[in-house]
Protein backbone atom coordinates (compact mmCIF):
# COMPACT_ATOMS: atom_id res chain seq x y z
CA UNK A 1 0.00 0.00 0.00
CA UNK A 2 1.11 3.56 -0.67
CA UNK A 3 0.85 4.92 2.88
CA UNK A 4 3.38 7.57 3.80
CA UNK A 5 4.48 9.55 6.81
CA UNK A 6 5.53 13.09 5.90
CA UNK A 7 7.79 14.64 8.54
CA UNK A 8 5.80 14.47 11.76
CA UNK A 9 2.50 13.92 9.93
CA UNK A 10 1.57 10.27 10.25
CA UNK A 11 -1.58 8.51 8.96
CA UNK A 12 -3.86 6.79 11.48
CA UNK A 13 -5.84 4.03 9.79
CA UNK A 14 -8.21 1.69 11.62
CA UNK A 15 -7.33 -1.97 11.27
CA UNK A 16 -11.00 -2.51 10.40
CA UNK A 17 -10.83 -0.15 7.40
CA UNK A 18 -10.08 -1.31 3.86
CA UNK A 19 -7.49 0.68 1.92
CA UNK A 20 -6.92 -0.64 -1.59
CA UNK A 21 -3.24 -1.22 -2.45
CA UNK A 22 -3.49 1.32 -5.29
CA UNK A 23 -4.80 4.13 -3.06
CA UNK A 24 -2.38 6.75 -1.70
CA UNK A 25 -2.50 8.05 1.87
CA UNK A 26 0.00 10.77 2.86
CA UNK A 27 0.53 12.60 6.13
CA UNK A 28 -2.10 13.77 8.60
CA UNK A 29 -4.95 11.45 7.59
CA UNK A 30 -7.27 9.58 9.95
CA UNK A 31 -9.51 6.78 8.63
CA UNK A 32 -12.21 5.24 10.85
CA UNK A 33 -13.56 1.72 11.34
CA UNK A 34 -15.07 -0.04 8.31
CA UNK A 35 -14.31 2.85 5.97
CA UNK A 36 -13.15 2.03 2.45
CA UNK A 37 -10.58 3.79 0.28
CA UNK A 38 -10.71 2.54 -3.32
CA UNK A 39 -8.14 2.34 -6.18
CA UNK A 40 -6.61 5.61 -7.31
CA UNK A 41 -7.98 7.62 -4.40
CA UNK A 42 -5.48 10.10 -2.98
CA UNK A 43 -5.80 11.49 0.55
CA UNK A 44 -2.97 14.02 0.91
CA UNK A 45 -2.65 15.46 4.39
CA UNK A 46 0.56 17.33 3.75
CA UNK A 47 -0.57 20.87 4.63
CA UNK A 48 -3.50 20.09 6.87
CA UNK A 49 -5.61 17.42 8.51
CA UNK A 50 -7.98 15.02 6.77
CA UNK A 51 -10.46 13.00 8.83
CA UNK A 52 -12.63 10.20 7.45
CA UNK A 53 -15.20 8.85 9.92
CA UNK A 54 -16.49 5.31 10.27
CA UNK A 55 -18.26 3.37 7.50
CA UNK A 56 -17.42 5.98 4.85
CA UNK A 57 -16.47 5.17 1.27
CA UNK A 58 -13.94 7.21 -0.70
CA UNK A 59 -14.30 5.83 -4.22
CA UNK A 60 -11.95 5.36 -7.14
CA UNK A 61 -9.94 8.35 -8.32
CA UNK A 62 -11.13 10.80 -5.66
CA UNK A 63 -8.73 13.45 -4.38
CA UNK A 64 -9.02 14.67 -0.80
CA UNK A 65 -6.77 17.56 0.27
CA UNK A 66 -6.64 20.20 3.00
CA UNK A 67 -4.98 23.55 3.51
CA UNK A 68 -2.91 24.66 6.49
CA UNK A 69 -5.93 26.67 7.72
CA UNK A 70 -8.78 24.41 6.58
CA UNK A 71 -8.96 20.71 7.42
CA UNK A 72 -11.14 18.43 5.33
CA UNK A 73 -13.56 16.57 7.58
CA UNK A 74 -15.71 13.72 6.25
CA UNK A 75 -18.15 12.24 8.72
CA UNK A 76 -19.34 8.71 9.29
CA UNK A 77 -21.72 6.84 6.99
CA UNK A 78 -20.83 8.93 3.94
CA UNK A 79 -20.40 7.96 0.32
CA UNK A 80 -17.87 9.98 -1.66
CA UNK A 81 -18.32 8.99 -5.32
CA UNK A 82 -15.80 8.32 -8.06
CA UNK A 83 -13.45 11.14 -9.08
CA UNK A 84 -14.60 13.59 -6.40
CA UNK A 85 -12.42 16.51 -5.25
CA UNK A 86 -12.82 17.70 -1.66
CA UNK A 87 -10.67 20.47 -0.19
CA UNK A 88 -10.97 22.41 3.06
CA UNK A 89 -14.63 21.48 3.48
CA UNK A 90 -16.88 19.53 5.84
CA UNK A 91 -19.05 16.60 4.83
CA UNK A 92 -21.31 15.80 7.79
CA UNK A 93 -22.42 12.29 8.79
CA UNK A 94 -24.81 10.47 6.44
CA UNK A 95 -24.13 12.57 3.33
CA UNK A 96 -23.48 11.56 -0.28
CA UNK A 97 -21.23 13.39 -2.75
CA UNK A 98 -21.82 12.13 -6.30
CA UNK A 99 -19.26 11.18 -8.92
CA UNK A 100 -17.16 13.93 -10.44
CA UNK A 101 -18.25 16.56 -7.91
CA UNK A 102 -16.11 19.26 -6.33
CA UNK A 103 -16.66 20.67 -2.82
CA UNK A 104 -14.44 23.62 -1.95
CA UNK A 105 -13.19 25.71 0.99
CA UNK A 106 -15.46 26.17 4.01
CA UNK A 107 -18.41 24.54 2.25
CA UNK A 108 -20.59 22.26 4.39
CA UNK A 109 -22.61 19.34 3.08
CA UNK A 110 -25.09 18.59 5.87
CA UNK A 111 -26.40 15.23 7.07
CA UNK A 112 -28.65 13.45 4.55
CA UNK A 113 -27.77 15.98 1.85
CA UNK A 114 -26.75 14.82 -1.60
CA UNK A 115 -24.38 16.55 -4.02
CA UNK A 116 -25.30 15.36 -7.50
CA UNK A 117 -22.83 14.06 -10.07
CA UNK A 118 -20.48 16.71 -11.49
CA UNK A 119 -21.80 19.49 -9.24
CA UNK A 120 -19.48 22.19 -7.94
CA UNK A 121 -20.20 23.33 -4.39
CA UNK A 122 -18.29 26.61 -4.25
CA UNK A 123 -16.55 28.08 -1.21
CA UNK A 124 -18.72 29.04 1.79
CA UNK A 125 -21.84 27.22 0.51
CA UNK A 126 -24.01 25.26 2.95
CA UNK A 127 -26.04 22.38 1.55
CA UNK A 128 -28.80 21.94 4.19
CA UNK A 129 -30.02 18.58 5.55
CA UNK A 130 -31.99 16.54 2.96
CA UNK A 131 -31.17 19.05 0.20
CA UNK A 132 -30.00 18.18 -3.28
CA UNK A 133 -27.17 20.25 -4.80
CA UNK A 134 -26.94 20.20 -8.60
CA UNK A 135 -25.03 22.08 -11.28
CA UNK A 136 -22.11 24.47 -11.67
CA UNK A 137 -22.16 26.33 -9.37
CA UNK A 138 -24.45 24.05 -7.39
CA UNK A 139 -28.03 25.17 -6.97
CA UNK A 140 -29.74 23.98 -3.77
CA UNK A 141 -33.05 22.10 -3.93
CA UNK A 142 -34.46 21.71 -0.39
CA UNK A 143 -36.12 18.55 0.94
CA UNK A 144 -35.37 16.35 -2.06
CA UNK A 145 -33.29 13.51 -0.57
CA UNK A 146 -34.62 10.17 0.65
CA UNK A 147 -32.46 9.01 3.59
CA UNK A 148 -32.77 5.40 2.38
CA UNK A 149 -30.66 6.16 -0.71
CA UNK A 150 -27.76 7.31 1.44
CA UNK A 151 -28.03 4.49 3.99
CA UNK A 152 -28.29 1.85 1.25
CA UNK A 153 -25.10 3.06 -0.46
CA UNK A 154 -23.24 3.01 2.87
CA UNK A 155 -24.26 -0.58 3.64
CA UNK A 156 -23.20 -1.81 0.20
CA UNK A 157 -19.75 -0.25 0.47
CA UNK A 158 -19.15 -1.52 4.01
CA UNK A 159 -20.01 -5.05 2.84
CA UNK A 160 -17.87 -4.69 -0.28
CA UNK A 161 -14.90 -3.44 1.75
CA UNK A 162 -15.09 -6.46 4.06
CA UNK A 163 -15.29 -8.77 1.03
CA UNK A 164 -12.18 -7.12 -0.44
CA UNK A 165 -10.32 -7.49 2.87
CA UNK A 166 -11.06 -11.23 2.80
CA UNK A 167 -10.81 -12.04 -0.89
CA UNK A 168 -8.62 -9.56 -2.83
CA UNK A 169 -5.51 -11.32 -4.14
CA UNK A 170 -3.02 -9.91 -6.62
CA UNK A 171 -2.38 -12.48 -9.35
CA UNK A 172 -0.16 -10.62 -11.79
């Protein structure tokens, strides 16, 4: 696995988490129980702190970064889709950020909110609970998210991560 200490910044990864061998974890990164980090994901805590809660999925090709002033905090029971960019923002528990999305400095994605595929949540934006954020820049649509969709995605990725921990074998 590509897991690196950088100076005094050292990753803290739960033994119950699954980090794919082709993911990269650098520096001040904390990953909670049963979370999954998939191929090509990069979590680079070189300037600032990155926290990933429990049972959260960071999918293929996503880039998570922080600044010296702004940590990137991702709660528990979150799904971060493929090729997502998060930087200096907060994703609260039970949120979903769709594939190809960008969430920038000081933005907050609240619990049970959903950022749609390819949306850009610009700096200082708050996506309220159960709201849908779509477009560039993201427009907020209140009370549009069914909590089941978020919970279902979380359960599938927790199960898949445990399967990968048991069964993934490099053959070439």
